[in-house]
Amino acid sequence: MLPQRQIIRLYIHNRKLMVQTAERLYEVRKPLREVEELLDQSRFVRISQSETINLRRVKSFDFSTVGTIGVELENGETTWVARRRVKDVKEALARGDHNEHQK
């Protein structure tokens, strides 16, 4: 598996799990939930049914839209936190352990 610090996000596209790094996109032949079990929970958070992000690779969060959160990743891509996942993301941010220096 890739070093977790390199992973920007994991997401489902056309029923396939994609793992995105700054350099390339990988297709993984495992379910998202199974791969998530291997990830550092202080670094990664599920933002929708089909996407998990690395909190340490987020450039900014946009809380201006009521009920959801916009996410700008460090590679310039944007995504959204599903309404039912907003609480999880806010809790992960409140813990603050994702701000530790990358190892």
N, C-alpha and C. Protein backbone atom coordinates (compact mmCIF):
# COMPACT_ATOMS: atom_id res chain seq x y z
N MET A 1 0.84 -1.19 0.00
CA MET A 1 0.00 0.00 0.00
C MET A 1 0.88 1.24 0.00
N LEU A 2 0.35 2.30 -0.55
CA LEU A 2 1.05 3.59 -0.59
C LEU A 2 1.24 4.14 0.82
N PRO A 3 2.29 4.95 1.03
CA PRO A 3 2.36 5.66 2.31
C PRO A 3 1.13 6.56 2.44
N GLN A 4 0.48 6.52 3.59
CA GLN A 4 -0.77 7.25 3.76
C GLN A 4 -0.60 8.76 3.58
N ARG A 5 0.55 9.28 3.88
CA ARG A 5 0.75 10.73 3.73
C ARG A 5 0.67 11.17 2.28
N GLN A 6 0.85 10.24 1.33
CA GLN A 6 0.77 10.58 -0.10
C GLN A 6 -0.66 10.61 -0.63
N ILE A 7 -1.57 9.95 0.06
CA ILE A 7 -2.94 9.85 -0.42
C ILE A 7 -3.69 11.15 -0.17
N ILE A 8 -4.29 11.70 -1.22
CA ILE A 8 -5.11 12.90 -1.09
C ILE A 8 -6.54 12.51 -0.79
N ARG A 9 -7.06 11.54 -1.56
CA ARG A 9 -8.43 11.09 -1.33
C ARG A 9 -8.63 9.72 -1.95
N LEU A 10 -9.69 9.06 -1.50
CA LEU A 10 -10.14 7.79 -2.06
C LEU A 10 -11.59 7.99 -2.44
N TYR A 11 -11.98 7.53 -3.62
CA TYR A 11 -13.36 7.73 -4.04
C TYR A 11 -13.78 6.65 -5.03
N ILE A 12 -15.09 6.46 -5.11
CA ILE A 12 -15.66 5.50 -6.04
C ILE A 12 -16.00 6.22 -7.34
N HIS A 13 -15.54 5.66 -8.46
CA HIS A 13 -15.85 6.19 -9.78
C HIS A 13 -16.17 5.00 -10.68
N ASN A 14 -17.36 5.01 -11.27
CA ASN A 14 -17.79 3.89 -12.12
C ASN A 14 -17.63 2.54 -11.41
N ARG A 15 -18.05 2.51 -10.15
CA ARG A 15 -18.04 1.31 -9.32
C ARG A 15 -16.64 0.78 -9.02
N LYS A 16 -15.63 1.61 -9.22
CA LYS A 16 -14.25 1.22 -8.91
C LYS A 16 -13.69 2.18 -7.87
N LEU A 17 -12.86 1.66 -6.96
CA LEU A 17 -12.23 2.49 -5.95
C LEU A 17 -10.96 3.10 -6.53
N MET A 18 -10.90 4.42 -6.48
CA MET A 18 -9.74 5.16 -6.98
C MET A 18 -9.01 5.78 -5.79
N VAL A 19 -7.69 5.70 -5.81
CA VAL A 19 -6.86 6.32 -4.78
C VAL A 19 -6.03 7.38 -5.48
N GLN A 20 -6.20 8.63 -5.05
CA GLN A 20 -5.54 9.74 -5.71
C GLN A 20 -4.37 10.27 -4.87
N THR A 21 -3.24 10.43 -5.54
CA THR A 21 -2.07 11.09 -4.94
C THR A 21 -1.77 12.31 -5.80
N ALA A 22 -0.79 13.08 -5.42
CA ALA A 22 -0.41 14.25 -6.22
C ALA A 22 0.15 13.82 -7.58
N GLU A 23 0.75 12.65 -7.63
CA GLU A 23 1.41 12.20 -8.85
C GLU A 23 0.52 11.40 -9.79
N ARG A 24 -0.38 10.59 -9.22
CA ARG A 24 -1.19 9.74 -10.10
C ARG A 24 -2.43 9.21 -9.41
N LEU A 25 -3.23 8.49 -10.19
CA LEU A 25 -4.47 7.90 -9.74
C LEU A 25 -4.33 6.38 -9.83
N TYR A 26 -4.69 5.70 -8.75
CA TYR A 26 -4.60 4.24 -8.70
C TYR A 26 -5.98 3.63 -8.61
N GLU A 27 -6.17 2.51 -9.25
CA GLU A 27 -7.41 1.75 -9.10
C GLU A 27 -7.12 0.62 -8.12
N VAL A 28 -7.98 0.48 -7.13
CA VAL A 28 -7.80 -0.55 -6.10
C VAL A 28 -8.96 -1.53 -6.20
N ARG A 29 -8.65 -2.79 -6.12
CA ARG A 29 -9.68 -3.82 -6.27
C ARG A 29 -10.19 -4.30 -4.91
N LYS A 30 -10.50 -3.36 -4.07
CA LYS A 30 -11.09 -3.66 -2.76
C LYS A 30 -12.17 -2.63 -2.49
N PRO A 31 -13.13 -2.96 -1.62
CA PRO A 31 -14.16 -1.99 -1.27
C PRO A 31 -13.58 -0.85 -0.42
N LEU A 32 -14.18 0.32 -0.53
CA LEU A 32 -13.73 1.49 0.22
C LEU A 32 -13.69 1.19 1.71
N ARG A 33 -14.71 0.57 2.24
CA ARG A 33 -14.77 0.28 3.68
C ARG A 33 -13.59 -0.59 4.13
N GLU A 34 -13.21 -1.54 3.31
CA GLU A 34 -12.10 -2.43 3.64
C GLU A 34 -10.77 -1.66 3.67
N VAL A 35 -10.57 -0.78 2.71
CA VAL A 35 -9.34 0.02 2.66
C VAL A 35 -9.32 1.01 3.82
N GLU A 36 -10.47 1.58 4.14
CA GLU A 36 -10.56 2.54 5.25
C GLU A 36 -10.08 1.94 6.57
N GLU A 37 -10.32 0.65 6.75
CA GLU A 37 -9.90 -0.01 7.99
C GLU A 37 -8.39 0.01 8.17
N LEU A 38 -7.66 0.17 7.08
CA LEU A 38 -6.20 0.21 7.13
C LEU A 38 -5.65 1.62 7.35
N LEU A 39 -6.52 2.62 7.24
CA LEU A 39 -6.09 4.02 7.29
C LEU A 39 -6.06 4.57 8.71
N ASP A 40 -5.18 5.53 8.93
CA ASP A 40 -5.06 6.24 10.20
C ASP A 40 -6.30 7.12 10.38
N GLN A 41 -7.10 6.82 11.39
CA GLN A 41 -8.36 7.53 11.61
C GLN A 41 -8.16 8.99 12.03
N SER A 42 -6.97 9.36 12.46
CA SER A 42 -6.71 10.76 12.78
C SER A 42 -6.39 11.56 11.51
N ARG A 43 -6.11 10.88 10.43
CA ARG A 43 -5.72 11.52 9.18
C ARG A 43 -6.86 11.52 8.15
N PHE A 44 -7.67 10.48 8.15
CA PHE A 44 -8.70 10.30 7.11
C PHE A 44 -10.10 10.38 7.71
N VAL A 45 -11.02 10.95 6.92
CA VAL A 45 -12.42 11.03 7.34
C VAL A 45 -13.30 10.80 6.11
N ARG A 46 -14.36 10.03 6.32
CA ARG A 46 -15.33 9.77 5.25
C ARG A 46 -16.20 11.01 5.11
N ILE A 47 -16.32 11.54 3.88
CA ILE A 47 -17.13 12.74 3.67
C ILE A 47 -18.42 12.46 2.91
N SER A 48 -18.54 11.26 2.36
CA SER A 48 -19.78 10.86 1.69
C SER A 48 -19.78 9.34 1.58
N GLN A 49 -20.85 8.81 1.02
CA GLN A 49 -20.94 7.36 0.87
C GLN A 49 -19.80 6.82 0.00
N SER A 50 -19.29 7.67 -0.89
CA SER A 50 -18.31 7.18 -1.86
C SER A 50 -16.96 7.90 -1.81
N GLU A 51 -16.68 8.67 -0.75
CA GLU A 51 -15.41 9.41 -0.73
C GLU A 51 -14.86 9.59 0.68
N THR A 52 -13.56 9.41 0.79
CA THR A 52 -12.81 9.63 2.02
C THR A 52 -11.65 10.55 1.68
N ILE A 53 -11.38 11.53 2.54
CA ILE A 53 -10.28 12.46 2.27
C ILE A 53 -9.22 12.39 3.37
N ASN A 54 -8.02 12.79 2.99
CA ASN A 54 -6.91 12.93 3.93
C ASN A 54 -6.96 14.36 4.45
N LEU A 55 -7.28 14.54 5.72
CA LEU A 55 -7.41 15.88 6.30
C LEU A 55 -6.14 16.70 6.18
N ARG A 56 -5.01 16.03 6.15
CA ARG A 56 -3.72 16.74 6.05
C ARG A 56 -3.41 17.21 4.64
N ARG A 57 -4.25 16.83 3.68
CA ARG A 57 -4.06 17.24 2.28
C ARG A 57 -5.17 18.20 1.83
N VAL A 58 -5.88 18.78 2.79
CA VAL A 58 -6.94 19.75 2.50
C VAL A 58 -6.35 21.15 2.55
N LYS A 59 -6.62 21.92 1.52
CA LYS A 59 -6.16 23.32 1.48
C LYS A 59 -7.09 24.20 2.30
N SER A 60 -8.41 24.01 2.13
CA SER A 60 -9.36 24.82 2.90
C SER A 60 -10.73 24.17 2.95
N PHE A 61 -11.50 24.58 3.96
CA PHE A 61 -12.89 24.18 4.11
C PHE A 61 -13.74 25.42 3.94
N ASP A 62 -14.88 25.28 3.28
CA ASP A 62 -15.82 26.39 3.10
C ASP A 62 -17.11 26.05 3.84
N PHE A 63 -17.34 26.76 4.95
CA PHE A 63 -18.51 26.51 5.78
C PHE A 63 -19.65 27.48 5.45
N SER A 64 -19.53 28.24 4.36
CA SER A 64 -20.51 29.29 4.06
C SER A 64 -21.86 28.75 3.58
N THR A 65 -21.90 27.56 3.02
CA THR A 65 -23.16 26.98 2.58
C THR A 65 -23.81 26.27 3.76
N VAL A 66 -25.01 26.65 4.08
CA VAL A 66 -25.70 26.09 5.24
C VAL A 66 -25.95 24.59 5.03
N GLY A 67 -25.55 23.79 6.02
CA GLY A 67 -25.84 22.37 5.99
C GLY A 67 -24.81 21.49 5.34
N THR A 68 -23.83 22.07 4.71
CA THR A 68 -22.78 21.25 4.09
C THR A 68 -21.45 21.99 4.16
N ILE A 69 -20.39 21.33 3.72
CA ILE A 69 -19.05 21.91 3.76
C ILE A 69 -18.39 21.67 2.41
N GLY A 70 -17.85 22.74 1.82
CA GLY A 70 -17.05 22.60 0.61
C GLY A 70 -15.61 22.31 1.02
N VAL A 71 -14.92 21.50 0.24
CA VAL A 71 -13.55 21.12 0.55
C VAL A 71 -12.68 21.41 -0.67
N GLU A 72 -11.61 22.20 -0.47
CA GLU A 72 -10.62 22.39 -1.53
C GLU A 72 -9.39 21.60 -1.13
N LEU A 73 -9.02 20.65 -1.99
CA LEU A 73 -7.86 19.82 -1.73
C LEU A 73 -6.60 20.52 -2.22
N GLU A 74 -5.46 20.10 -1.72
CA GLU A 74 -4.23 20.79 -2.07
C GLU A 74 -3.87 20.69 -3.54
N ASN A 75 -4.47 19.75 -4.27
CA ASN A 75 -4.21 19.63 -5.71
C ASN A 75 -5.15 20.52 -6.53
N GLY A 76 -5.98 21.34 -5.84
CA GLY A 76 -6.87 22.26 -6.53
C GLY A 76 -8.27 21.74 -6.79
N GLU A 77 -8.49 20.46 -6.61
CA GLU A 77 -9.82 19.90 -6.81
C GLU A 77 -10.72 20.29 -5.65
N THR A 78 -12.02 20.36 -5.94
CA THR A 78 -12.99 20.64 -4.88
C THR A 78 -13.98 19.49 -4.78
N THR A 79 -14.50 19.31 -3.59
CA THR A 79 -15.50 18.28 -3.33
C THR A 79 -16.39 18.78 -2.21
N TRP A 80 -17.42 18.02 -1.88
CA TRP A 80 -18.38 18.44 -0.87
C TRP A 80 -18.58 17.35 0.16
N VAL A 81 -18.79 17.78 1.39
CA VAL A 81 -19.14 16.85 2.45
C VAL A 81 -20.64 16.63 2.40
N ALA A 82 -21.06 15.39 2.38
CA ALA A 82 -22.49 15.07 2.39
C ALA A 82 -23.10 15.56 3.71
N ARG A 83 -24.34 16.00 3.66
CA ARG A 83 -25.00 16.53 4.86
C ARG A 83 -24.92 15.58 6.04
N ARG A 84 -25.10 14.30 5.79
CA ARG A 84 -25.08 13.33 6.89
C ARG A 84 -23.68 13.09 7.44
N ARG A 85 -22.64 13.61 6.78
CA ARG A 85 -21.26 13.43 7.24
C ARG A 85 -20.66 14.70 7.85
N VAL A 86 -21.41 15.80 7.83
CA VAL A 86 -20.90 17.08 8.34
C VAL A 86 -20.45 16.95 9.80
N LYS A 87 -21.25 16.29 10.61
CA LYS A 87 -20.92 16.12 12.03
C LYS A 87 -19.59 15.37 12.19
N ASP A 88 -19.38 14.31 11.40
CA ASP A 88 -18.13 13.54 11.47
C ASP A 88 -16.92 14.41 11.14
N VAL A 89 -17.05 15.23 10.11
CA VAL A 89 -15.94 16.09 9.69
C VAL A 89 -15.66 17.14 10.77
N LYS A 90 -16.70 17.76 11.30
CA LYS A 90 -16.50 18.76 12.35
C LYS A 90 -15.84 18.15 13.58
N GLU A 91 -16.24 16.93 13.94
CA GLU A 91 -15.62 16.25 15.08
C GLU A 91 -14.15 15.95 14.81
N ALA A 92 -13.83 15.51 13.61
CA ALA A 92 -12.43 15.23 13.24
C ALA A 92 -11.60 16.50 13.30
N LEU A 93 -12.16 17.61 12.84
CA LEU A 93 -11.44 18.89 12.87
C LEU A 93 -11.27 19.37 14.31
N ALA A 94 -12.27 19.14 15.15
CA ALA A 94 -12.20 19.57 16.54
C ALA A 94 -11.13 18.79 17.30
N ARG A 95 -10.92 17.53 16.94
CA ARG A 95 -9.88 16.73 17.59
C ARG A 95 -8.51 17.34 17.33
N GLY A 96 -8.32 17.87 16.14
CA GLY A 96 -7.09 18.58 15.82
C GLY A 96 -5.86 17.72 15.63
N ASP A 97 -5.97 16.40 15.80
CA ASP A 97 -4.77 15.56 15.69
C ASP A 97 -4.28 15.45 14.25
N HIS A 98 -5.09 15.85 13.28
CA HIS A 98 -4.67 15.81 11.88
C HIS A 98 -3.66 16.90 11.57
N ASN A 99 -3.48 17.86 12.47
CA ASN A 99 -2.55 18.97 12.24
C ASN A 99 -1.12 18.65 12.64
N GLU A 100 -0.91 17.49 13.23
CA GLU A 100 0.46 17.12 13.59
C GLU A 100 1.31 17.07 12.32
N HIS A 101 2.60 17.27 12.49
CA HIS A 101 3.50 17.22 11.33
C HIS A 101 3.48 15.83 10.73
N GLN A 102 3.53 15.79 9.42
CA GLN A 102 3.53 14.51 8.73
C GLN A 102 4.82 13.77 9.03
N LYS A 103 4.70 12.48 9.17
CA LYS A 103 5.86 11.65 9.48
C LYS A 103 6.48 11.10 8.24
